[in-house]
Amino acid sequence: MNWTDLVKARLKELGITQEKLAELLNVTPGGLGHWLNKRREPTLEQIAKILQAVKLDKLILNSDGTLEYPNEVISNVSLIDKQPTYQQSFPILSSVQAGSWTEADEAYLKGDMSEWYDTTERTSNKCFWLKVQGDSMTSPAGISFPEETLVLVDTEREPLNGSLVVAKLTEVNEATFKKLVIDAGQQFLKPLNSAYPPLPIKDDCKIIGVVVDAKMKLF
């Protein structure tokens, strides 16, 4: 179910008007109406605040605006969507494990991971989830990946100009999540947060994979 449909249904159940919800969120009723009627697209952070305000905080928010139920269905809310016909599950890696992806034994990594999440995106079999650290990919406008967002990395997807990628600098044993920019033959890793400078891609940098999905845990 899309988050906007679920929020509208939840407002009716709770007897809360959109005006009251806007007041709780400290936004204008018109702005909230634009979001709920899909005339404007809020950030993942704004959607998370809306869901928390209507007590739907035990859900996982996908990057496409759909919601997942973690093993239980919230009371008084019925699932009306059909189950996806395509689904795979991949483990969460730490930034250190992700940085060592190409050198490590993949079977060992997967056998050692206890936390897995599904995706309905069509990917290769060589993927992993990575938890965003810090605020370098948090943007005040447009697409944004706040800290703790889960991003799915496909290690066999070809990185293109504008791709969101996970890369590793050989001098550090950790992976970093940035936007790939190719300009006049030069390649850079660009944060979405303008407070951080872009990083030039040199021989000491290796792109591990391309981000193809994202989830925000709300609990």
Protein backbone atom coordinates (compact mmCIF):
# COMPACT_ATOMS: atom_id res chain seq x y z
CA MET A 1 0.00 0.00 0.00
CA ASN A 2 1.26 3.50 -0.81
CA TRP A 3 1.93 5.63 2.27
CA THR A 4 -0.55 8.35 1.24
CA ASP A 5 -3.46 5.90 1.03
CA LEU A 6 -2.57 4.40 4.39
CA VAL A 7 -2.29 7.80 6.10
CA LYS A 8 -5.70 8.90 4.75
CA ALA A 9 -7.28 5.68 6.02
CA ARG A 10 -5.57 6.10 9.37
CA LEU A 11 -6.83 9.68 9.75
CA LYS A 12 -10.41 8.42 9.39
CA GLU A 13 -9.81 5.67 11.96
CA LEU A 14 -8.35 8.12 14.48
CA GLY A 15 -10.90 10.87 13.76
CA ILE A 16 -8.13 13.36 12.97
CA THR A 17 -8.55 16.02 10.30
CA GLN A 18 -5.80 16.97 7.87
CA GLU A 19 -5.77 20.41 9.50
CA LYS A 20 -5.06 18.86 12.90
CA LEU A 21 -2.34 16.65 11.44
CA ALA A 22 -0.75 19.68 9.77
CA GLU A 23 -0.75 21.44 13.16
CA LEU A 24 0.97 18.43 14.78
CA LEU A 25 3.62 18.44 12.06
CA ASN A 26 4.08 22.22 12.16
CA VAL A 27 3.33 22.54 8.42
CA THR A 28 0.58 24.34 6.53
CA PRO A 29 -2.65 22.45 5.73
CA GLY A 30 -2.11 23.29 2.06
CA GLY A 31 1.40 21.84 2.08
CA LEU A 32 0.21 18.64 3.76
CA GLY A 33 -2.64 18.41 1.24
CA HIS A 34 -0.18 18.61 -1.64
CA TRP A 35 1.77 15.69 -0.16
CA LEU A 36 -1.25 13.49 0.55
CA ASN A 37 -2.70 14.14 -2.92
CA LYS A 38 0.65 13.50 -4.61
CA ARG A 39 0.94 16.96 -6.12
CA ARG A 40 4.30 17.37 -4.41
CA GLU A 41 6.80 14.80 -3.15
CA PRO A 42 7.98 15.08 0.46
CA THR A 43 11.36 13.79 1.59
CA LEU A 44 11.70 10.42 3.33
CA GLU A 45 12.23 12.31 6.59
CA GLN A 46 8.95 14.20 6.15
CA ILE A 47 7.06 11.00 5.33
CA ALA A 48 8.53 9.36 8.43
CA LYS A 49 7.28 12.24 10.61
CA ILE A 50 3.79 11.96 9.11
CA LEU A 51 3.66 8.21 9.77
CA GLN A 52 4.86 8.68 13.32
CA ALA A 53 2.22 11.38 13.93
CA VAL A 54 -0.57 8.95 13.00
CA LYS A 55 0.98 6.09 15.00
CA LEU A 56 2.16 4.05 12.04
CA ASP A 57 5.73 3.80 13.30
CA LYS A 58 6.11 0.01 13.06
CA LEU A 59 6.52 0.02 9.31
CA ILE A 60 9.39 0.01 6.84
CA LEU A 61 9.22 2.80 4.27
CA ASN A 62 10.60 1.97 0.82
CA SER A 63 12.19 4.56 -1.47
CA ASP A 64 9.23 4.34 -3.89
CA GLY A 65 6.77 5.41 -1.17
CA THR A 66 5.37 1.95 -0.47
CA LEU A 67 5.27 0.38 2.99
CA GLU A 68 6.19 -3.03 4.35
CA TYR A 69 4.76 -4.71 7.44
CA PRO A 70 7.44 -6.36 9.62
CA ASN A 71 5.85 -9.73 10.44
CA GLU A 72 2.63 -8.30 11.83
CA VAL A 73 -0.27 -6.25 10.50
CA ILE A 74 -1.16 -3.08 12.40
CA SER A 75 -4.52 -3.41 14.14
CA ASN A 76 -7.56 -2.18 12.21
CA VAL A 77 -5.58 -1.86 8.98
CA SER A 78 -6.25 -4.36 6.22
CA LEU A 79 -3.76 -5.26 3.53
CA ILE A 80 -5.32 -4.72 0.11
CA ASP A 81 -2.24 -4.96 -2.12
CA LYS A 82 -1.27 -8.16 -3.88
CA GLN A 83 2.00 -9.70 -2.76
CA PRO A 84 4.91 -8.94 -5.12
CA THR A 85 5.71 -11.64 -7.63
CA TYR A 86 9.46 -10.95 -7.44
CA GLN A 87 11.36 -10.83 -4.17
CA GLN A 88 14.87 -11.48 -2.93
CA SER A 89 16.48 -11.15 0.48
CA PHE A 90 19.95 -9.75 1.19
CA PRO A 91 22.03 -9.18 4.34
CA ILE A 92 23.01 -5.90 6.00
CA LEU A 93 26.76 -5.32 6.00
CA SER A 94 28.70 -2.81 8.05
CA SER A 95 30.73 -0.18 6.20
CA VAL A 96 33.89 -2.19 6.98
CA GLN A 97 32.41 -5.42 5.63
CA ALA A 98 31.15 -3.58 2.55
CA GLY A 99 34.61 -2.08 2.04
CA SER A 100 36.08 -5.58 2.04
CA TRP A 101 33.39 -6.99 -0.27
CA THR A 102 35.60 -7.68 -3.28
CA GLU A 103 38.36 -9.28 -1.19
CA ALA A 104 36.13 -11.30 1.14
CA ASP A 105 34.60 -14.71 0.67
CA GLU A 106 30.95 -13.96 -0.17
CA ALA A 107 29.72 -17.27 1.27
CA TYR A 108 31.40 -16.44 4.57
CA LEU A 109 29.82 -13.00 4.63
CA LYS A 110 26.32 -14.29 3.99
CA GLY A 111 26.68 -17.09 6.50
CA ASP A 112 27.78 -14.62 9.14
CA MET A 113 24.93 -12.11 8.69
CA SER A 114 21.91 -12.30 10.98
CA GLU A 115 19.89 -9.34 9.67
CA TRP A 116 18.31 -9.62 6.22
CA TYR A 117 15.78 -7.51 4.31
CA ASP A 118 13.74 -8.13 1.17
CA THR A 119 13.56 -6.16 -2.04
CA THR A 120 11.12 -6.35 -4.94
CA GLU A 121 13.61 -4.65 -7.27
CA ARG A 122 15.09 -6.84 -9.97
CA THR A 123 18.75 -7.18 -9.10
CA SER A 124 21.70 -9.51 -9.46
CA ASN A 125 22.31 -12.10 -6.77
CA LYS A 126 25.36 -10.19 -5.49
CA CYS A 127 23.73 -7.47 -3.42
CA PHE A 128 23.83 -6.27 0.16
CA TRP A 129 22.14 -3.65 2.34
CA LEU A 130 24.22 -0.87 3.87
CA LYS A 131 23.10 1.44 6.69
CA VAL A 132 23.75 5.12 5.95
CA GLN A 133 26.07 6.79 8.45
CA GLY A 134 26.24 10.54 9.04
CA ASP A 135 24.41 13.29 7.16
CA SER A 136 26.49 13.71 3.99
CA MET A 137 23.62 12.23 1.92
CA THR A 138 20.88 14.22 3.64
CA SER A 139 19.50 16.93 1.36
CA PRO A 140 17.02 19.71 2.25
CA ALA A 141 15.32 19.28 -1.13
CA GLY A 142 14.77 16.39 -3.52
CA ILE A 143 15.98 12.87 -2.83
CA SER A 144 17.54 12.45 0.60
CA PHE A 145 19.02 9.60 2.62
CA PRO A 146 19.04 10.43 6.34
CA GLU A 147 21.27 8.57 8.77
CA GLU A 148 20.09 4.99 9.45
CA THR A 149 18.43 4.66 6.00
CA LEU A 150 19.09 1.24 4.46
CA VAL A 151 20.35 1.27 0.87
CA LEU A 152 20.60 -1.81 -1.34
CA VAL A 153 23.86 -2.10 -3.27
CA ASP A 154 24.01 -4.15 -6.49
CA THR A 155 27.67 -5.03 -7.06
CA GLU A 156 27.03 -6.08 -10.67
CA ARG A 157 25.13 -2.94 -11.79
CA GLU A 158 27.16 -0.67 -14.08
CA PRO A 159 27.73 2.78 -12.52
CA LEU A 160 26.70 5.68 -14.78
CA ASN A 161 26.81 9.45 -14.45
CA GLY A 162 24.32 10.36 -11.75
CA SER A 163 24.24 6.89 -10.20
CA LEU A 164 24.16 6.61 -6.43
CA VAL A 165 27.13 4.42 -5.62
CA VAL A 166 29.02 2.82 -2.77
CA ALA A 167 32.79 3.18 -3.12
CA LYS A 168 35.92 2.38 -1.15
CA LEU A 169 39.13 4.36 -0.80
CA THR A 170 42.02 1.90 -0.60
CA GLU A 171 43.65 3.86 2.22
CA VAL A 172 40.68 3.15 4.52
CA ASN A 173 38.88 -0.12 5.11
CA GLU A 174 35.39 1.36 4.88
CA ALA A 175 32.79 1.99 2.19
CA THR A 176 31.21 5.38 1.53
CA PHE A 177 27.87 6.23 -0.11
CA LYS A 178 27.83 9.11 -2.61
CA LYS A 179 26.53 10.27 -6.02
CA LEU A 180 28.75 9.58 -9.02
CA VAL A 181 29.36 12.64 -11.21
CA ILE A 182 31.23 12.44 -14.51
CA ASP A 183 32.11 15.85 -15.96
CA ALA A 184 34.55 16.60 -18.79
CA GLY A 185 36.24 13.25 -18.34
CA GLN A 186 36.64 13.71 -14.58
CA GLN A 187 34.84 11.54 -12.01
CA PHE A 188 33.75 12.68 -8.57
CA LEU A 189 31.89 11.30 -5.57
CA LYS A 190 29.40 14.01 -4.67
CA PRO A 191 27.50 14.21 -1.35
CA LEU A 192 23.86 15.31 -1.56
CA ASN A 193 24.52 17.59 1.42
CA SER A 194 26.14 20.74 0.02
CA ALA A 195 28.02 21.26 3.29
CA TYR A 196 30.38 18.46 2.25
CA PRO A 197 32.89 18.78 -0.63
CA PRO A 198 32.98 16.36 -3.59
CA LEU A 199 35.75 13.77 -3.66
CA PRO A 200 37.73 13.23 -6.88
CA ILE A 201 37.94 9.59 -7.96
CA LYS A 202 41.57 8.57 -8.33
CA ASP A 203 43.46 5.28 -8.49
CA ASP A 204 42.89 4.78 -4.75
CA CYS A 205 39.10 4.65 -5.18
CA LYS A 206 37.06 1.60 -6.22
CA ILE A 207 33.32 1.65 -6.86
CA ILE A 208 31.80 -1.40 -5.19
CA GLY A 209 28.26 -1.15 -6.55
CA VAL A 210 25.21 0.92 -7.43
CA VAL A 211 22.36 1.66 -5.02
CA VAL A 212 19.09 0.30 -6.45
CA ASP A 213 16.68 0.44 -3.49
CA ALA A 214 16.31 2.13 -0.11
CA LYS A 215 14.27 1.64 3.07
CA MET A 216 13.77 3.80 6.13
CA LYS A 217 13.09 1.94 9.38
CA LEU A 218 10.54 3.81 11.47
CA PHE A 219 11.01 1.92 14.73
